[in-house]
PDB file of N, CA and C in Angstrom:
ATOM      1  N   UNK A   1       0.916  -0.937   0.257  1.00  0.00           N
ATOM      2  CA  UNK A   1      -0.051  -0.253  -0.232  1.00  0.00           C
ATOM      3  C   UNK A   1       1.346   1.455  -0.011  1.00  0.00           C
ATOM      4  N   UNK A   2       0.411   2.540  -0.892  1.00  0.00           N
ATOM      5  CA  UNK A   2       1.095   3.754  -1.399  1.00  0.00           C
ATOM      6  C   UNK A   2       0.620   4.042   0.777  1.00  0.00           C
ATOM      7  N   UNK A   3       1.979   5.423   0.829  1.00  0.00           N
ATOM      8  CA  UNK A   3       2.048   5.868   1.936  1.00  0.00           C
ATOM      9  C   UNK A   3       0.451   6.529   1.913  1.00  0.00           C
ATOM     10  N   UNK A   4       0.478   7.802   1.558  1.00  0.00           N
ATOM     11  CA  UNK A   4      -0.542   9.000   0.140  1.00  0.00           C
ATOM     12  C   UNK A   4      -2.033   7.567   0.799  1.00  0.00           C
ATOM     13  N   UNK A   5      -2.328   6.795  -0.086  1.00  0.00           N
ATOM     14  CA  UNK A   5      -2.992   5.876   0.571  1.00  0.00           C
ATOM     15  C   UNK A   5      -3.689   5.852   2.669  1.00  0.00           C
ATOM     16  N   UNK A   6      -2.283   5.685   2.694  1.00  0.00           N
ATOM     17  CA  UNK A   6      -2.647   5.052   4.220  1.00  0.00           C
ATOM     18  C   UNK A   6      -3.127   6.359   4.954  1.00  0.00           C
ATOM     19  N   UNK A   7      -2.915   7.742   4.365  1.00  0.00           N
ATOM     20  CA  UNK A   7      -2.737   8.703   5.606  1.00  0.00           C
ATOM     21  C   UNK A   7      -3.911   9.618   4.910  1.00  0.00           C
ATOM     22  N   UNK A   8      -4.434   9.069   3.652  1.00  0.00           N
ATOM     23  CA  UNK A   8      -5.378   9.897   3.234  1.00  0.00           C
ATOM     24  C   UNK A   8      -5.595  11.019   2.461  1.00  0.00           C
ATOM     25  N   UNK A   9      -4.897  11.281   1.509  1.00  0.00           N
ATOM     26  CA  UNK A   9      -4.550  12.929   1.050  1.00  0.00           C
ATOM     27  C   UNK A   9      -3.959  12.526  -0.533  1.00  0.00           C
ATOM     28  N   UNK A  10      -4.055  10.928  -0.639  1.00  0.00           N
ATOM     29  CA  UNK A  10      -3.641  10.684  -2.385  1.00  0.00           C
ATOM     30  C   UNK A  10      -2.502  11.900  -2.895  1.00  0.00           C
ATOM     31  N   UNK A  11      -1.309  12.043  -1.230  1.00  0.00           N
ATOM     32  CA  UNK A  11      -0.030  12.336  -2.188  1.00  0.00           C
ATOM     33  C   UNK A  11      -0.371  13.254  -1.743  1.00  0.00           C
ATOM     34  N   UNK A  12      -0.830  14.518  -1.773  1.00  0.00           N
ATOM     35  CA  UNK A  12      -0.984  15.927  -2.218  1.00  0.00           C
ATOM     36  C   UNK A  12      -1.090  16.430  -0.486  1.00  0.00           C
ATOM     37  N   UNK A  13      -0.211  17.585  -0.228  1.00  0.00           N
ATOM     38  CA  UNK A  13       0.182  18.249   0.026  1.00  0.00           C
ATOM     39  C   UNK A  13      -0.356  18.862   1.014  1.00  0.00           C
ATOM     40  N   UNK A  14      -1.658  19.398   1.663  1.00  0.00           N
ATOM     41  CA  UNK A  14      -2.502  20.810   1.929  1.00  0.00           C
ATOM     42  C   UNK A  14      -2.152  22.252   1.921  1.00  0.00           C
ATOM     43  N   UNK A  15      -3.021  23.304   1.880  1.00  0.00           N
ATOM     44  CA  UNK A  15      -2.296  24.229   2.074  1.00  0.00           C
ATOM     45  C   UNK A  15      -2.372  24.835   3.484  1.00  0.00           C
ATOM     46  N   UNK A  16      -1.014  25.813   3.847  1.00  0.00           N
ATOM     47  CA  UNK A  16      -1.616  26.441   4.894  1.00  0.00           C
ATOM     48  C   UNK A  16      -2.381  27.461   4.913  1.00  0.00           C
ATOM     49  N   UNK A  17      -3.206  27.932   5.841  1.00  0.00           N
ATOM     50  CA  UNK A  17      -3.944  29.064   5.909  1.00  0.00           C
ATOM     51  C   UNK A  17      -4.163  30.140   7.076  1.00  0.00           C
ATOM     52  N   UNK A  18      -4.154  31.212   6.642  1.00  0.00           N
ATOM     53  CA  UNK A  18      -4.625  32.009   7.895  1.00  0.00           C
ATOM     54  C   UNK A  18      -5.820  32.454   7.537  1.00  0.00           C
ATOM     55  N   UNK A  19      -6.923  32.768   9.467  1.00  0.00           N
ATOM     56  CA  UNK A  19      -7.932  32.961   8.969  1.00  0.00           C
ATOM     57  C   UNK A  19      -7.690  34.205  10.443  1.00  0.00           C
ATOM     58  N   UNK A  20      -8.529  35.518   9.444  1.00  0.00           N
ATOM     59  CA  UNK A  20      -8.300  36.647  10.572  1.00  0.00           C
ATOM     60  C   UNK A  20      -9.947  36.259  11.035  1.00  0.00           C
ATOM     61  N   UNK A  21     -10.294  36.020  12.331  1.00  0.00           N
ATOM     62  CA  UNK A  21     -11.672  35.530  12.768  1.00  0.00           C
ATOM     63  C   UNK A  21     -12.376  36.549  14.121  1.00  0.00           C
ATOM     64  N   UNK A  22     -13.573  36.462  14.329  1.00  0.00           N
ATOM     65  CA  UNK A  22     -14.188  36.655  15.705  1.00  0.00           C
ATOM     66  C   UNK A  22     -15.312  35.935  16.418  1.00  0.00           C
ATOM     67  N   UNK A  23     -14.290  35.119  17.750  1.00  0.00           N
ATOM     68  CA  UNK A  23     -15.292  34.454  18.135  1.00  0.00           C
ATOM     69  C   UNK A  23     -15.614  35.354  20.269  1.00  0.00           C
ATOM     70  N   UNK A  24     -16.604  34.699  21.072  1.00  0.00           N
ATOM     71  CA  UNK A  24     -16.813  34.126  22.088  1.00  0.00           C
ATOM     72  C   UNK A  24     -16.333  33.164  23.051  1.00  0.00           C
ATOM     73  N   UNK A  25     -15.360  34.269  23.558  1.00  0.00           N
ATOM     74  CA  UNK A  25     -14.425  33.269  25.149  1.00  0.00           C
ATOM     75  C   UNK A  25     -15.911  32.277  25.816  1.00  0.00           C
ATOM     76  N   UNK A  26     -15.522  31.241  26.129  1.00  0.00           N
ATOM     77  CA  UNK A  26     -16.690  30.301  26.770  1.00  0.00           C
ATOM     78  C   UNK A  26     -16.723  30.099  27.688  1.00  0.00           C
ATOM     79  N   UNK A  27     -15.225  31.018  28.773  1.00  0.00           N
ATOM     80  CA  UNK A  27     -15.090  31.132  30.775  1.00  0.00           C
ATOM     81  C   UNK A  27     -14.033  30.254  30.516  1.00  0.00           C
ATOM     82  N   UNK A  28     -13.387  29.081  29.912  1.00  0.00           N
ATOM     83  CA  UNK A  28     -12.472  27.722  30.451  1.00  0.00           C
ATOM     84  C   UNK A  28     -11.575  28.297  30.276  1.00  0.00           C
ATOM     85  N   UNK A  29     -10.618  29.386  29.837  1.00  0.00           N
ATOM     86  CA  UNK A  29      -9.279  30.143  29.488  1.00  0.00           C
ATOM     87  C   UNK A  29      -9.778  31.461  30.639  1.00  0.00           C
ATOM     88  N   UNK A  30      -9.154  31.756  31.927  1.00  0.00           N
ATOM     89  CA  UNK A  30      -9.688  33.130  32.621  1.00  0.00           C
ATOM     90  C   UNK A  30      -8.745  34.548  32.268  1.00  0.00           C
ATOM     91  N   UNK A  31      -8.260  33.766  31.110  1.00  0.00           N
ATOM     92  CA  UNK A  31      -7.475  35.540  30.327  1.00  0.00           C
ATOM     93  C   UNK A  31      -8.566  35.886  29.806  1.00  0.00           C
ATOM     94  N   UNK A  32      -9.376  35.524  29.667  1.00  0.00           N
ATOM     95  CA  UNK A  32     -10.066  35.959  28.527  1.00  0.00           C
ATOM     96  C   UNK A  32     -11.400  35.488  28.999  1.00  0.00           C
ATOM     97  N   UNK A  33     -12.729  37.188  28.858  1.00  0.00           N
ATOM     98  CA  UNK A  33     -13.464  36.866  29.769  1.00  0.00           C
ATOM     99  C   UNK A  33     -14.738  36.504  29.121  1.00  0.00           C
ATOM    100  N   UNK A  34     -15.129  35.272  30.219  1.00  0.00           N
ATOM    101  CA  UNK A  34     -16.705  35.147  29.272  1.00  0.00           C
ATOM    102  C   UNK A  34     -17.842  35.433  28.667  1.00  0.00           C
ATOM    103  N   UNK A  35     -18.052  34.822  27.889  1.00  0.00           N
ATOM    104  CA  UNK A  35     -18.754  35.597  26.562  1.00  0.00           C
ATOM    105  C   UNK A  35     -18.423  36.814  26.271  1.00  0.00           C
ATOM    106  N   UNK A  36     -17.303  37.175  25.877  1.00  0.00           N
ATOM    107  CA  UNK A  36     -17.030  38.525  25.340  1.00  0.00           C
ATOM    108  C   UNK A  36     -16.316  38.088  24.005  1.00  0.00           C
ATOM    109  N   UNK A  37     -16.467  38.766  23.541  1.00  0.00           N
ATOM    110  CA  UNK A  37     -16.403  38.430  21.419  1.00  0.00           C
ATOM    111  C   UNK A  37     -13.999  39.095  21.842  1.00  0.00           C
ATOM    112  N   UNK A  38     -13.377  38.218  21.283  1.00  0.00           N
ATOM    113  CA  UNK A  38     -12.507  38.400  20.766  1.00  0.00           C
ATOM    114  C   UNK A  38     -12.046  38.255  19.220  1.00  0.00           C
ATOM    115  N   UNK A  39     -11.112  39.830  18.856  1.00  0.00           N
ATOM    116  CA  UNK A  39     -10.297  39.051  17.449  1.00  0.00           C
ATOM    117  C   UNK A  39      -9.160  38.518  17.337  1.00  0.00           C
ATOM    118  N   UNK A  40      -9.114  37.926  17.088  1.00  0.00           N
ATOM    119  CA  UNK A  40      -8.636  36.318  16.367  1.00  0.00           C
ATOM    120  C   UNK A  40      -7.462  35.914  15.229  1.00  0.00           C
ATOM    121  N   UNK A  41      -6.703  35.364  14.871  1.00  0.00           N
ATOM    122  CA  UNK A  41      -5.752  34.610  14.182  1.00  0.00           C
ATOM    123  C   UNK A  41      -5.370  33.607  14.042  1.00  0.00           C
ATOM    124  N   UNK A  42      -6.186  32.611  13.394  1.00  0.00           N
ATOM    125  CA  UNK A  42      -6.651  30.654  13.196  1.00  0.00           C
ATOM    126  C   UNK A  42      -4.991  30.498  12.138  1.00  0.00           C
ATOM    127  N   UNK A  43      -4.222  29.701  12.413  1.00  0.00           N
ATOM    128  CA  UNK A  43      -3.959  29.304  11.180  1.00  0.00           C
ATOM    129  C   UNK A  43      -4.322  27.946  10.999  1.00  0.00           C
ATOM    130  N   UNK A  44      -4.329  27.057   9.500  1.00  0.00           N
ATOM    131  CA  UNK A  44      -4.144  25.862   9.850  1.00  0.00           C
ATOM    132  C   UNK A  44      -4.302  25.556   8.792  1.00  0.00           C
ATOM    133  N   UNK A  45      -3.894  23.816   8.370  1.00  0.00           N
ATOM    134  CA  UNK A  45      -3.748  23.208   7.746  1.00  0.00           C
ATOM    135  C   UNK A  45      -4.564  22.571   7.412  1.00  0.00           C
ATOM    136  N   UNK A  46      -5.523  22.908   5.924  1.00  0.00           N
ATOM    137  CA  UNK A  46      -6.633  22.160   5.268  1.00  0.00           C
ATOM    138  C   UNK A  46      -6.102  22.581   3.786  1.00  0.00           C
ATOM    139  N   UNK A  47      -6.893  21.659   3.108  1.00  0.00           N
ATOM    140  CA  UNK A  47      -7.438  21.652   2.062  1.00  0.00           C
ATOM    141  C   UNK A  47      -8.602  22.740   1.560  1.00  0.00           C
ATOM    142  N   UNK A  48      -8.816  23.463   0.883  1.00  0.00           N
ATOM    143  CA  UNK A  48      -9.334  24.585   0.484  1.00  0.00           C
ATOM    144  C   UNK A  48     -11.248  24.291   1.080  1.00  0.00           C
ATOM    145  N   UNK A  49     -12.108  23.088   0.793  1.00  0.00           N
ATOM    146  CA  UNK A  49     -12.781  22.755   0.464  1.00  0.00           C
ATOM    147  C   UNK A  49     -13.348  22.014   2.188  1.00  0.00           C
ATOM    148  N   UNK A  50     -12.432  21.780   3.039  1.00  0.00           N
ATOM    149  CA  UNK A  50     -12.669  21.556   4.396  1.00  0.00           C
ATOM    150  C   UNK A  50     -11.838  23.119   5.123  1.00  0.00           C
ATOM    151  N   UNK A  51     -11.267  23.496   4.485  1.00  0.00           N
ATOM    152  CA  UNK A  51     -10.995  25.036   5.565  1.00  0.00           C
ATOM    153  C   UNK A  51     -11.722  25.535   6.488  1.00  0.00           C
ATOM    154  N   UNK A  52     -12.435  26.362   6.345  1.00  0.00           N
ATOM    155  CA  UNK A  52     -13.755  26.920   7.407  1.00  0.00           C
ATOM    156  C   UNK A  52     -14.203  26.152   8.968  1.00  0.00           C
ATOM    157  N   UNK A  53     -14.398  23.983   7.959  1.00  0.00           N
ATOM    158  CA  UNK A  53     -15.121  23.339   9.452  1.00  0.00           C
ATOM    159  C   UNK A  53     -13.546  22.979  10.027  1.00  0.00           C
ATOM    160  N   UNK A  54     -12.385  22.980   9.839  1.00  0.00           N
ATOM    161  CA  UNK A  54     -11.258  23.452  10.275  1.00  0.00           C
ATOM    162  C   UNK A  54     -10.641  24.575  11.445  1.00  0.00           C
ATOM    163  N   UNK A  55     -11.286  25.128  10.684  1.00  0.00           N
ATOM    164  CA  UNK A  55     -11.117  26.285  11.782  1.00  0.00           C
ATOM    165  C   UNK A  55     -12.390  26.691  12.716  1.00  0.00           C
ATOM    166  N   UNK A  56     -13.125  26.366  12.263  1.00  0.00           N
ATOM    167  CA  UNK A  56     -14.463  26.410  13.014  1.00  0.00           C
ATOM    168  C   UNK A  56     -14.128  25.139  14.457  1.00  0.00           C
ATOM    169  N   UNK A  57     -13.394  24.048  14.171  1.00  0.00           N
ATOM    170  CA  UNK A  57     -13.083  22.807  14.710  1.00  0.00           C
ATOM    171  C   UNK A  57     -12.152  23.299  16.016  1.00  0.00           C
ATOM    172  N   UNK A  58     -11.393  23.612  15.678  1.00  0.00           N
ATOM    173  CA  UNK A  58      -9.781  24.184  16.155  1.00  0.00           C
ATOM    174  C   UNK A  58     -10.648  24.810  16.957  1.00  0.00           C
ATOM    175  N   UNK A  59     -11.174  26.767  16.938  1.00  0.00           N
ATOM    176  CA  UNK A  59     -11.927  27.533  17.518  1.00  0.00           C
ATOM    177  C   UNK A  59     -12.463  26.565  18.649  1.00  0.00           C
ATOM    178  N   UNK A  60     -13.814  25.763  18.553  1.00  0.00           N
ATOM    179  CA  UNK A  60     -14.129  24.971  19.732  1.00  0.00           C
ATOM    180  C   UNK A  60     -13.231  24.319  20.453  1.00  0.00           C
ATOM    181  N   UNK A  61     -12.133  23.739  20.600  1.00  0.00           N
ATOM    182  CA  UNK A  61     -11.657  23.339  21.295  1.00  0.00           C
ATOM    183  C   UNK A  61     -10.636  23.730  21.702  1.00  0.00           C
ATOM    184  N   UNK A  62     -10.254  24.705  21.583  1.00  0.00           N
ATOM    185  CA  UNK A  62      -9.959  25.909  22.570  1.00  0.00           C
ATOM    186  C   UNK A  62     -10.568  26.693  23.519  1.00  0.00           C
ATOM    187  N   UNK A  63     -11.922  26.802  23.383  1.00  0.00           N
ATOM    188  CA  UNK A  63     -12.761  27.232  24.413  1.00  0.00           C
ATOM    189  C   UNK A  63     -13.561  28.772  23.817  1.00  0.00           C
ATOM    190  N   UNK A  64     -13.290  28.802  22.680  1.00  0.00           N
ATOM    191  CA  UNK A  64     -13.795  29.933  22.259  1.00  0.00           C
ATOM    192  C   UNK A  64     -15.757  29.072  20.684  1.00  0.00           C
ATOM    193  N   UNK A  65     -16.882  30.378  20.832  1.00  0.00           N
ATOM    194  CA  UNK A  65     -17.619  29.598  20.471  1.00  0.00           C
ATOM    195  C   UNK A  65     -18.019  31.312  19.509  1.00  0.00           C
ATOM    196  N   UNK A  66     -19.229  30.689  18.458  1.00  0.00           N
ATOM    197  CA  UNK A  66     -19.828  31.602  17.476  1.00  0.00           C
ATOM    198  C   UNK A  66     -19.431  32.532  17.319  1.00  0.00           C
ATOM    199  N   UNK A  67     -17.982  31.630  16.067  1.00  0.00           N
ATOM    200  CA  UNK A  67     -17.134  32.046  15.338  1.00  0.00           C
ATOM    201  C   UNK A  67     -17.286  32.547  14.452  1.00  0.00           C
ATOM    202  N   UNK A  68     -16.677  33.574  14.187  1.00  0.00           N
ATOM    203  CA  UNK A  68     -17.413  33.904  12.367  1.00  0.00           C
ATOM    204  C   UNK A  68     -15.735  34.826  11.671  1.00  0.00           C
ATOM    205  N   UNK A  69     -16.223  34.664  11.054  1.00  0.00           N
ATOM    206  CA  UNK A  69     -14.738  34.450   9.440  1.00  0.00           C
ATOM    207  C   UNK A  69     -14.247  35.538   8.659  1.00  0.00           C
ATOM    208  N   UNK A  70     -13.690  36.698   9.061  1.00  0.00           N
ATOM    209  CA  UNK A  70     -13.927  38.084   8.873  1.00  0.00           C
ATOM    210  C   UNK A  70     -12.167  37.741   7.171  1.00  0.00           C
ATOM    211  N   UNK A  71     -11.541  37.263   7.126  1.00  0.00           N
ATOM    212  CA  UNK A  71     -10.497  37.061   6.001  1.00  0.00           C
ATOM    213  C   UNK A  71     -10.220  35.909   6.007  1.00  0.00           C
ATOM    214  N   UNK A  72     -10.177  35.070   4.648  1.00  0.00           N
ATOM    215  CA  UNK A  72      -8.560  33.503   4.434  1.00  0.00           C
ATOM    216  C   UNK A  72      -8.034  34.380   3.265  1.00  0.00           C
ATOM    217  N   UNK A  73      -6.632  33.335   4.091  1.00  0.00           N
ATOM    218  CA  UNK A  73      -5.588  33.823   2.850  1.00  0.00           C
ATOM    219  C   UNK A  73      -4.370  32.483   2.846  1.00  0.00           C
ATOM    220  N   UNK A  74      -4.185  32.219   1.944  1.00  0.00           N
ATOM    221  CA  UNK A  74      -3.339  30.945   1.748  1.00  0.00           C
ATOM    222  C   UNK A  74      -1.654  31.640   2.409  1.00  0.00           C
ATOM    223  N   UNK A  75      -1.379  30.997   3.192  1.00  0.00           N
ATOM    224  CA  UNK A  75       0.167  31.002   4.207  1.00  0.00           C
ATOM    225  C   UNK A  75       1.430  30.822   2.707  1.00  0.00           C
ATOM    226  N   UNK A  76       2.212  32.308   2.454  1.00  0.00           N
ATOM    227  CA  UNK A  76       2.969  31.667   1.217  1.00  0.00           C
ATOM    228  C   UNK A  76       4.169  30.473   1.934  1.00  0.00           C
ATOM    229  N   UNK A  77       4.104  29.982   1.308  1.00  0.00           N
ATOM    230  CA  UNK A  77       5.353  28.939   1.818  1.00  0.00           C
ATOM    231  C   UNK A  77       7.031  28.846   1.009  1.00  0.00           C
ATOM    232  N   UNK A  78       7.705  28.980   1.287  1.00  0.00           N
ATOM    233  CA  UNK A  78       8.523  29.163   2.937  1.00  0.00           C
ATOM    234  C   UNK A  78       7.591  30.485   3.683  1.00  0.00           C
ATOM    235  N   UNK A  79       7.252  29.786   4.651  1.00  0.00           N
ATOM    236  CA  UNK A  79       6.745  31.416   5.632  1.00  0.00           C
ATOM    237  C   UNK A  79       7.508  31.774   6.051  1.00  0.00           C
ATOM    238  N   UNK A  80       7.930  33.408   5.844  1.00  0.00           N
ATOM    239  CA  UNK A  80       8.789  34.067   6.946  1.00  0.00           C
ATOM    240  C   UNK A  80       8.138  35.140   7.514  1.00  0.00           C
ATOM    241  N   UNK A  81       8.513  35.689   8.594  1.00  0.00           N
ATOM    242  CA  UNK A  81       7.879  36.614   9.613  1.00  0.00           C
ATOM    243  C   UNK A  81       8.792  37.322  10.289  1.00  0.00           C
ATOM    244  N   UNK A  82       8.781  38.520  10.724  1.00  0.00           N
ATOM    245  CA  UNK A  82       9.350  39.013  11.900  1.00  0.00           C
ATOM    246  C   UNK A  82       8.653  39.350  13.191  1.00  0.00           C
ATOM    247  N   UNK A  83       7.380  38.918  12.785  1.00  0.00           N
ATOM    248  CA  UNK A  83       6.091  39.684  13.799  1.00  0.00           C
ATOM    249  C   UNK A  83       6.373  37.839  14.609  1.00  0.00           C
ATOM    250  N   UNK A  84       6.667  37.888  16.463  1.00  0.00           N
ATOM    251  CA  UNK A  84       6.077  36.666  16.795  1.00  0.00           C
ATOM    252  C   UNK A  84       5.264  36.512  16.476  1.00  0.00           C
ATOM    253  N   UNK A  85       4.253  37.306  17.245  1.00  0.00           N
ATOM    254  CA  UNK A  85       2.640  36.354  16.966  1.00  0.00           C
ATOM    255  C   UNK A  85       2.317  35.196  15.281  1.00  0.00           C
ATOM    256  N   UNK A  86       2.881  36.084  14.402  1.00  0.00           N
ATOM    257  CA  UNK A  86       2.370  35.249  13.689  1.00  0.00           C
ATOM    258  C   UNK A  86       3.400  34.161  13.717  1.00  0.00           C
ATOM    259  N   UNK A  87       4.254  34.016  13.848  1.00  0.00           N
ATOM    260  CA  UNK A  87       5.449  33.058  14.113  1.00  0.00           C
ATOM    261  C   UNK A  87       5.250  31.966  14.876  1.00  0.00           C
ATOM    262  N   UNK A  88       4.644  32.042  16.522  1.00  0.00           N
ATOM    263  CA  UNK A  88       4.130  31.314  16.830  1.00  0.00           C
ATOM    264  C   UNK A  88       3.076  30.345  16.707  1.00  0.00           C
ATOM    265  N   UNK A  89       1.696  31.223  15.786  1.00  0.00           N
ATOM    266  CA  UNK A  89       0.622  30.969  14.633  1.00  0.00           C
ATOM    267  C   UNK A  89       1.254  30.012  14.340  1.00  0.00           C
ATOM    268  N   UNK A  90       2.297  30.270  13.031  1.00  0.00           N
ATOM    269  CA  UNK A  90       2.542  29.014  12.261  1.00  0.00           C
ATOM    270  C   UNK A  90       3.055  28.038  12.610  1.00  0.00           C
ATOM    271  N   UNK A  91       3.837  28.454  14.247  1.00  0.00           N
ATOM    272  CA  UNK A  91       4.591  27.270  14.792  1.00  0.00           C
ATOM    273  C   UNK A  91       3.863  25.941  14.963  1.00  0.00           C
ATOM    274  N   UNK A  92       2.340  26.688  15.439  1.00  0.00           N
ATOM    275  CA  UNK A  92       1.098  25.978  16.579  1.00  0.00           C
ATOM    276  C   UNK A  92       1.085  24.423  14.893  1.00  0.00           C
ATOM    277  N   UNK A  93       0.713  24.942  13.485  1.00  0.00           N
ATOM    278  CA  UNK A  93       0.188  24.482  12.552  1.00  0.00           C
ATOM    279  C   UNK A  93       0.993  24.067  12.122  1.00  0.00           C
ATOM    280  N   UNK A  94       2.781  23.762  12.261  1.00  0.00           N
ATOM    281  CA  UNK A  94       4.169  22.600  12.045  1.00  0.00           C
ATOM    282  C   UNK A  94       3.833  21.797  13.497  1.00  0.00           C
ATOM    283  N   UNK A  95       3.732  22.464  14.904  1.00  0.00           N
ATOM    284  CA  UNK A  95       3.577  20.678  15.370  1.00  0.00           C
ATOM    285  C   UNK A  95       1.957  20.607  16.306  1.00  0.00           C
ATOM    286  N   UNK A  96       1.089  21.011  15.753  1.00  0.00           N
ATOM    287  CA  UNK A  96      -0.157  20.269  16.441  1.00  0.00           C
ATOM    288  C   UNK A  96      -0.619  20.422  15.366  1.00  0.00           C
ATOM    289  N   UNK A  97      -2.360  20.293  15.441  1.00  0.00           N
ATOM    290  CA  UNK A  97      -3.343  21.040  15.028  1.00  0.00           C
ATOM    291  C   UNK A  97      -3.728  22.461  14.392  1.00  0.00           C
ATOM    292  N   UNK A  98      -2.881  22.873  14.343  1.00  0.00           N
ATOM    293  CA  UNK A  98      -3.023  25.042  14.252  1.00  0.00           C
ATOM    294  C   UNK A  98      -2.812  25.678  15.427  1.00  0.00           C
ATOM    295  N   UNK A  99      -2.201  26.545  14.813  1.00  0.00           N
ATOM    296  CA  UNK A  99      -2.544  28.199  15.640  1.00  0.00           C
ATOM    297  C   UNK A  99      -3.485  28.744  15.986  1.00  0.00           C
ATOM    298  N   UNK A 100      -3.643  29.407  17.242  1.00  0.00           N
ATOM    299  CA  UNK A 100      -4.608  30.175  17.537  1.00  0.00           C
ATOM    300  C   UNK A 100      -3.490  31.395  18.011  1.00  0.00           C
ATOM    301  N   UNK A 101      -4.311  32.809  18.125  1.00  0.00           N
ATOM    302  CA  UNK A 101      -3.744  33.832  18.838  1.00  0.00           C
ATOM    303  C   UNK A 101      -4.884  34.751  18.848  1.00  0.00           C
ATOM    304  N   UNK A 102      -5.035  35.534  20.340  1.00  0.00           N
ATOM    305  CA  UNK A 102      -5.584  36.403  20.773  1.00  0.00           C
ATOM    306  C   UNK A 102      -5.344  37.658  20.796  1.00  0.00           C
ATOM    307  N   UNK A 103      -6.000  38.173  20.245  1.00  0.00           N
ATOM    308  CA  UNK A 103      -5.742  39.877  20.606  1.00  0.00           C
ATOM    309  C   UNK A 103      -6.140  40.816  21.120  1.00  0.00           C
ATOM    310  N   UNK A 104      -4.976  41.179  22.573  1.00  0.00           N
ATOM    311  CA  UNK A 104      -5.646  41.890  23.684  1.00  0.00           C
ATOM    312  C   UNK A 104      -6.816  42.312  23.935  1.00  0.00           C
ATOM    313  N   UNK A 105      -7.726  43.111  23.526  1.00  0.00           N
ATOM    314  CA  UNK A 105      -9.104  43.502  23.891  1.00  0.00           C
ATOM    315  C   UNK A 105      -9.730  43.069  23.263  1.00  0.00           C
ATOM    316  N   UNK A 106     -10.811  42.375  24.286  1.00  0.00           N
ATOM    317  CA  UNK A 106     -12.642  42.268  23.487  1.00  0.00           C
ATOM    318  C   UNK A 106     -13.305  43.449  22.547  1.00  0.00           C
ATOM    319  N   UNK A 107     -13.945  43.007  21.906  1.00  0.00           N
ATOM    320  CA  UNK A 107     -14.598  43.976  20.122  1.00  0.00           C
ATOM    321  C   UNK A 107     -15.899  43.813  20.962  1.00  0.00           C
ATOM    322  N   UNK A 108     -16.007  45.047  20.935  1.00  0.00           N
ATOM    323  CA  UNK A 108     -17.459  45.556  21.850  1.00  0.00           C
ATOM    324  C   UNK A 108     -19.177  45.022  20.491  1.00  0.00           C
ATOM    325  N   UNK A 109     -20.131  44.962  21.442  1.00  0.00           N
ATOM    326  CA  UNK A 109     -20.502  43.953  21.131  1.00  0.00           C
ATOM    327  C   UNK A 109     -21.504  45.062  19.610  1.00  0.00           C
ATOM    328  N   UNK A 110     -22.231  44.839  18.675  1.00  0.00           N
ATOM    329  CA  UNK A 110     -22.976  45.896  18.671  1.00  0.00           C
ATOM    330  C   UNK A 110     -24.379  46.511  18.753  1.00  0.00           C
TER     331      UNK A 110
END
C-alpha cells in the first residue's frame, strides 16, 4: 500500500491558511472574559473545501464559540515573518493541529 493512501490525502500536501476571525470566549480560559468577543488569528493546514470546518473545530476545541471568519488567505511557503505572534501561530500548525493568536482587547458588541 502506498503511504499516500494510508494517510488519506492521495499524496497531495494541504496548504496552510490564515483566518482573521472573531469568536466569543466560553470562560474555560481565565485570561479571556467569558462571553466577550475577541479578534483572533487562526492558522490551519487544510484543503480549501475543508477550511472553514477546520477553523471552527480548532476554535471550539480551545474554548471559542460563535466564530465568524472575516478574511482567509493562503500562507506563502516558505513562511517568513518578523512578527512573533505570526511565527508562534505558524509553529502551532507545524507542531500541532493549528495555531490561534488572541488579540488583547475584546470587541464591543453592536
